[in-house]
Amino acid sequence: MNSSLTEQPVGRAHARRSAADRFESAYRQCWAALRSPADPDLSPHELEVLGQLGDAPDGVALTWLAGQLGWPKSTTSVLVKDLERRGWLARARRNDDERRVAIALTVKGRARVAADRVLEPRRLAAALRALSPVVREQLLDGFEELAVAAERLPAGRPGTAR
């Protein structure tokens, strides 16, 4: 494990909090203040399905989609059918194998995925502008490095120990 995540910080303000605890606390504060409002038309699980299909213009198989989401095929199938009924995605027989069905976003679904933002852009921009240019660049550089480090961790689903 990276020792910088468990080292005790220098100074009085964070005397007994690990870097991971400090990050978690700050992340929760940012999330609460900056997150995009909930979508009234789609549940978080439905948004997750659409997001998985976003980079697959030719569609994907139900088995692949369920595996990516970490859900049973039956649960995934129910959501896919409902999203299709509401016009967010389409199912069609594959040209190379008519026994198989490909699931892909519709124009409406692609537009929704393209517009999907975790954080509310105007509030985030305003919060970043409130920082000095030096602090803003340090924050962004550090966060980008953290993202790269996180992607290099062994594979595992969110919420599971690595």
C-alpha atoms as a PDB file:
ATOM      1  CA  MET A   1       0.000   0.000   0.000  1.00  0.00           C
ATOM      2  CA  ASN A   2       1.191   3.503  -0.748  1.00  0.00           C
ATOM      3  CA  SER A   3       2.535   4.867   2.528  1.00  0.00           C
ATOM      4  CA  SER A   4       1.475   8.401   1.615  1.00  0.00           C
ATOM      5  CA  LEU A   5      -2.130   7.322   2.087  1.00  0.00           C
ATOM      6  CA  THR A   6      -1.562   6.375   5.706  1.00  0.00           C
ATOM      7  CA  GLU A   7       1.145   8.811   6.783  1.00  0.00           C
ATOM      8  CA  GLN A   8       0.148  11.211   9.479  1.00  0.00           C
ATOM      9  CA  PRO A   9       0.093  14.786   8.163  1.00  0.00           C
ATOM     10  CA  VAL A  10       2.379  17.436   9.560  1.00  0.00           C
ATOM     11  CA  GLY A  11       0.738  20.257  11.502  1.00  0.00           C
ATOM     12  CA  ARG A  12      -2.049  20.675  14.015  1.00  0.00           C
ATOM     13  CA  ALA A  13      -5.103  20.952  11.764  1.00  0.00           C
ATOM     14  CA  HIS A  14      -5.026  17.317  10.677  1.00  0.00           C
ATOM     15  CA  ALA A  15      -2.965  15.776  13.480  1.00  0.00           C
ATOM     16  CA  ARG A  16      -4.663  12.363  13.531  1.00  0.00           C
ATOM     17  CA  ARG A  17      -6.277  12.065  10.095  1.00  0.00           C
ATOM     18  CA  SER A  18      -4.790  10.052   7.273  1.00  0.00           C
ATOM     19  CA  ALA A  19      -4.529  11.472   3.769  1.00  0.00           C
ATOM     20  CA  ALA A  20      -7.261   9.038   2.698  1.00  0.00           C
ATOM     21  CA  ASP A  21      -9.612  10.297   5.440  1.00  0.00           C
ATOM     22  CA  ARG A  22      -8.915  13.930   4.559  1.00  0.00           C
ATOM     23  CA  PHE A  23      -9.541  13.251   0.868  1.00  0.00           C
ATOM     24  CA  GLU A  24     -12.776  11.374   1.616  1.00  0.00           C
ATOM     25  CA  SER A  25     -14.039  14.237   3.761  1.00  0.00           C
ATOM     26  CA  ALA A  26     -13.173  16.898   1.183  1.00  0.00           C
ATOM     27  CA  TYR A  27     -14.630  14.773  -1.628  1.00  0.00           C
ATOM     28  CA  ARG A  28     -17.930  14.385   0.243  1.00  0.00           C
ATOM     29  CA  GLN A  29     -18.092  18.157   0.810  1.00  0.00           C
ATOM     30  CA  CYS A  30     -17.449  18.845  -2.886  1.00  0.00           C
ATOM     31  CA  TRP A  31     -19.965  16.200  -3.963  1.00  0.00           C
ATOM     32  CA  ALA A  32     -22.690  17.664  -1.750  1.00  0.00           C
ATOM     33  CA  ALA A  33     -22.045  21.232  -2.931  1.00  0.00           C
ATOM     34  CA  LEU A  34     -21.342  20.634  -6.624  1.00  0.00           C
ATOM     35  CA  ARG A  35     -23.164  17.502  -7.809  1.00  0.00           C
ATOM     36  CA  SER A  36     -25.584  17.659 -10.669  1.00  0.00           C
ATOM     37  CA  PRO A  37     -29.216  17.358  -9.644  1.00  0.00           C
ATOM     38  CA  ALA A  38     -30.833  13.947  -9.941  1.00  0.00           C
ATOM     39  CA  ASP A  39     -32.333  13.132 -13.309  1.00  0.00           C
ATOM     40  CA  PRO A  40     -36.132  12.995 -12.953  1.00  0.00           C
ATOM     41  CA  ASP A  41     -36.450  10.626 -15.928  1.00  0.00           C
ATOM     42  CA  LEU A  42     -33.735   8.086 -15.125  1.00  0.00           C
ATOM     43  CA  SER A  43     -32.637   6.261 -11.996  1.00  0.00           C
ATOM     44  CA  PRO A  44     -28.945   6.000 -11.126  1.00  0.00           C
ATOM     45  CA  HIS A  45     -28.976   2.350 -12.286  1.00  0.00           C
ATOM     46  CA  GLU A  46     -30.555   3.315 -15.607  1.00  0.00           C
ATOM     47  CA  LEU A  47     -27.919   6.019 -16.083  1.00  0.00           C
ATOM     48  CA  GLU A  48     -25.244   3.431 -15.370  1.00  0.00           C
ATOM     49  CA  VAL A  49     -26.634   1.175 -18.128  1.00  0.00           C
ATOM     50  CA  LEU A  50     -26.667   4.050 -20.612  1.00  0.00           C
ATOM     51  CA  GLY A  51     -23.139   5.050 -19.624  1.00  0.00           C
ATOM     52  CA  GLN A  52     -21.827   1.539 -20.302  1.00  0.00           C
ATOM     53  CA  LEU A  53     -23.325   1.658 -23.803  1.00  0.00           C
ATOM     54  CA  GLY A  54     -21.908   5.099 -24.573  1.00  0.00           C
ATOM     55  CA  ASP A  55     -18.758   3.933 -26.354  1.00  0.00           C
ATOM     56  CA  ALA A  56     -20.293   1.014 -28.237  1.00  0.00           C
ATOM     57  CA  PRO A  57     -21.811   2.304 -31.493  1.00  0.00           C
ATOM     58  CA  ASP A  58     -22.388  -1.254 -32.782  1.00  0.00           C
ATOM     59  CA  GLY A  59     -23.999  -2.354 -29.555  1.00  0.00           C
ATOM     60  CA  VAL A  60     -23.100  -4.927 -26.933  1.00  0.00           C
ATOM     61  CA  ALA A  61     -24.429  -8.283 -25.792  1.00  0.00           C
ATOM     62  CA  LEU A  62     -26.570  -8.545 -22.671  1.00  0.00           C
ATOM     63  CA  THR A  63     -24.020 -10.903 -21.093  1.00  0.00           C
ATOM     64  CA  TRP A  64     -21.232  -8.350 -21.587  1.00  0.00           C
ATOM     65  CA  LEU A  65     -23.369  -5.501 -20.216  1.00  0.00           C
ATOM     66  CA  ALA A  66     -24.395  -7.492 -17.122  1.00  0.00           C
ATOM     67  CA  GLY A  67     -20.743  -8.410 -16.524  1.00  0.00           C
ATOM     68  CA  GLN A  68     -19.603  -4.786 -16.782  1.00  0.00           C
ATOM     69  CA  LEU A  69     -22.286  -3.688 -14.338  1.00  0.00           C
ATOM     70  CA  GLY A  70     -21.726  -6.622 -11.972  1.00  0.00           C
ATOM     71  CA  TRP A  71     -25.432  -7.452 -12.052  1.00  0.00           C
ATOM     72  CA  PRO A  72     -27.351 -10.638 -12.840  1.00  0.00           C
ATOM     73  CA  LYS A  73     -28.446 -10.974 -16.475  1.00  0.00           C
ATOM     74  CA  SER A  74     -32.082 -11.055 -15.346  1.00  0.00           C
ATOM     75  CA  THR A  75     -31.802  -7.654 -13.607  1.00  0.00           C
ATOM     76  CA  THR A  76     -29.949  -6.163 -16.552  1.00  0.00           C
ATOM     77  CA  SER A  77     -32.511  -7.555 -18.999  1.00  0.00           C
ATOM     78  CA  VAL A  78     -35.405  -5.941 -17.120  1.00  0.00           C
ATOM     79  CA  LEU A  79     -33.694  -2.535 -17.204  1.00  0.00           C
ATOM     80  CA  VAL A  80     -32.743  -2.914 -20.875  1.00  0.00           C
ATOM     81  CA  LYS A  81     -36.318  -3.745 -21.855  1.00  0.00           C
ATOM     82  CA  ASP A  82     -37.684  -0.768 -19.920  1.00  0.00           C
ATOM     83  CA  LEU A  83     -35.088   1.630 -21.356  1.00  0.00           C
ATOM     84  CA  GLU A  84     -35.901   0.351 -24.842  1.00  0.00           C
ATOM     85  CA  ARG A  85     -39.626   0.878 -24.274  1.00  0.00           C
ATOM     86  CA  ARG A  86     -38.888   4.479 -23.248  1.00  0.00           C
ATOM     87  CA  GLY A  87     -36.683   5.156 -26.283  1.00  0.00           C
ATOM     88  CA  TRP A  88     -33.261   5.384 -24.611  1.00  0.00           C
ATOM     89  CA  LEU A  89     -31.776   2.310 -26.276  1.00  0.00           C
ATOM     90  CA  ALA A  90     -32.575  -0.251 -28.960  1.00  0.00           C
ATOM     91  CA  ARG A  91     -32.061  -3.965 -29.339  1.00  0.00           C
ATOM     92  CA  ALA A  92     -31.455  -5.447 -32.785  1.00  0.00           C
ATOM     93  CA  ARG A  93     -30.264  -8.732 -34.267  1.00  0.00           C
ATOM     94  CA  ARG A  94     -26.592  -8.621 -35.171  1.00  0.00           C
ATOM     95  CA  ASN A  95     -25.753  -8.699 -38.871  1.00  0.00           C
ATOM     96  CA  ASP A  96     -22.913 -11.190 -38.374  1.00  0.00           C
ATOM     97  CA  ASP A  97     -24.988 -13.585 -36.237  1.00  0.00           C
ATOM     98  CA  GLU A  98     -28.756 -13.244 -36.214  1.00  0.00           C
ATOM     99  CA  ARG A  99     -28.993 -15.454 -33.136  1.00  0.00           C
ATOM    100  CA  ARG A 100     -27.392 -12.677 -31.099  1.00  0.00           C
ATOM    101  CA  VAL A 101     -28.907  -9.349 -30.087  1.00  0.00           C
ATOM    102  CA  ALA A 102     -26.936  -6.117 -29.871  1.00  0.00           C
ATOM    103  CA  ILE A 103     -27.976  -3.424 -27.404  1.00  0.00           C
ATOM    104  CA  ALA A 104     -27.107   0.145 -28.433  1.00  0.00           C
ATOM    105  CA  LEU A 105     -28.058   3.700 -27.558  1.00  0.00           C
ATOM    106  CA  THR A 106     -30.643   5.523 -29.638  1.00  0.00           C
ATOM    107  CA  VAL A 107     -30.110   9.130 -30.714  1.00  0.00           C
ATOM    108  CA  LYS A 108     -31.989  10.161 -27.555  1.00  0.00           C
ATOM    109  CA  GLY A 109     -29.773   7.903 -25.426  1.00  0.00           C
ATOM    110  CA  ARG A 110     -26.535   9.178 -27.013  1.00  0.00           C
ATOM    111  CA  ALA A 111     -27.635  12.777 -26.386  1.00  0.00           C
ATOM    112  CA  ARG A 112     -28.359  11.957 -22.725  1.00  0.00           C
ATOM    113  CA  VAL A 113     -24.992  10.259 -22.215  1.00  0.00           C
ATOM    114  CA  ALA A 114     -23.186  13.177 -23.886  1.00  0.00           C
ATOM    115  CA  ALA A 115     -24.931  15.609 -21.523  1.00  0.00           C
ATOM    116  CA  ASP A 116     -24.265  13.524 -18.411  1.00  0.00           C
ATOM    117  CA  ARG A 117     -22.141  15.337 -15.860  1.00  0.00           C
ATOM    118  CA  VAL A 118     -21.321  14.165 -12.361  1.00  0.00           C
ATOM    119  CA  LEU A 119     -20.822  17.717 -11.129  1.00  0.00           C
ATOM    120  CA  GLU A 120     -22.834  20.801 -12.031  1.00  0.00           C
ATOM    121  CA  PRO A 121     -20.561  22.616 -14.516  1.00  0.00           C
ATOM    122  CA  ARG A 122     -21.374  26.218 -13.533  1.00  0.00           C
ATOM    123  CA  ARG A 123     -20.946  25.626  -9.801  1.00  0.00           C
ATOM    124  CA  LEU A 124     -17.727  23.683 -10.371  1.00  0.00           C
ATOM    125  CA  ALA A 125     -16.314  26.435 -12.597  1.00  0.00           C
ATOM    126  CA  ALA A 126     -17.221  29.064  -9.993  1.00  0.00           C
ATOM    127  CA  ALA A 127     -15.590  27.063  -7.194  1.00  0.00           C
ATOM    128  CA  LEU A 128     -12.422  26.596  -9.259  1.00  0.00           C
ATOM    129  CA  ARG A 129     -12.323  30.310 -10.116  1.00  0.00           C
ATOM    130  CA  ALA A 130     -12.442  31.086  -6.380  1.00  0.00           C
ATOM    131  CA  LEU A 131      -9.016  29.447  -5.997  1.00  0.00           C
ATOM    132  CA  SER A 132      -5.812  31.265  -6.798  1.00  0.00           C
ATOM    133  CA  PRO A 133      -4.351  30.231 -10.173  1.00  0.00           C
ATOM    134  CA  VAL A 134      -1.433  28.492  -8.456  1.00  0.00           C
ATOM    135  CA  VAL A 135      -3.639  26.512  -6.063  1.00  0.00           C
ATOM    136  CA  ARG A 136      -6.078  25.666  -8.881  1.00  0.00           C
ATOM    137  CA  GLU A 137      -3.264  24.245 -11.062  1.00  0.00           C
ATOM    138  CA  GLN A 138      -1.811  22.295  -8.130  1.00  0.00           C
ATOM    139  CA  LEU A 139      -5.236  20.858  -7.349  1.00  0.00           C
ATOM    140  CA  LEU A 140      -5.918  19.854 -10.945  1.00  0.00           C
ATOM    141  CA  ASP A 141      -2.440  18.391 -11.441  1.00  0.00           C
ATOM    142  CA  GLY A 142      -2.743  16.405  -8.212  1.00  0.00           C
ATOM    143  CA  PHE A 143      -6.235  15.179  -8.981  1.00  0.00           C
ATOM    144  CA  GLU A 144      -5.195  14.078 -12.475  1.00  0.00           C
ATOM    145  CA  GLU A 145      -2.262  12.172 -10.962  1.00  0.00           C
ATOM    146  CA  LEU A 146      -4.625  10.545  -8.453  1.00  0.00           C
ATOM    147  CA  ALA A 147      -6.921   9.476 -11.311  1.00  0.00           C
ATOM    148  CA  VAL A 148      -4.001   7.843 -13.134  1.00  0.00           C
ATOM    149  CA  ALA A 149      -2.879   6.090  -9.943  1.00  0.00           C
ATOM    150  CA  ALA A 150      -6.441   4.863  -9.316  1.00  0.00           C
ATOM    151  CA  GLU A 151      -6.694   3.452 -12.830  1.00  0.00           C
ATOM    152  CA  ARG A 152      -3.456   1.516 -12.270  1.00  0.00           C
ATOM    153  CA  LEU A 153      -4.853  -0.315  -9.230  1.00  0.00           C
ATOM    154  CA  PRO A 154      -5.690  -4.008  -9.689  1.00  0.00           C
ATOM    155  CA  ALA A 155      -9.084  -4.602 -11.242  1.00  0.00           C
ATOM    156  CA  GLY A 156     -12.020  -4.773  -8.900  1.00  0.00           C
ATOM    157  CA  ARG A 157     -15.532  -3.492  -8.644  1.00  0.00           C
ATOM    158  CA  PRO A 158     -16.208  -0.286  -6.706  1.00  0.00           C
ATOM    159  CA  GLY A 159     -16.887  -1.000  -3.074  1.00  0.00           C
ATOM    160  CA  THR A 160     -14.718  -4.118  -2.949  1.00  0.00           C
ATOM    161  CA  ALA A 161     -11.361  -4.397  -1.270  1.00  0.00           C
ATOM    162  CA  ARG A 162      -8.407  -4.238  -3.627  1.00  0.00           C
END
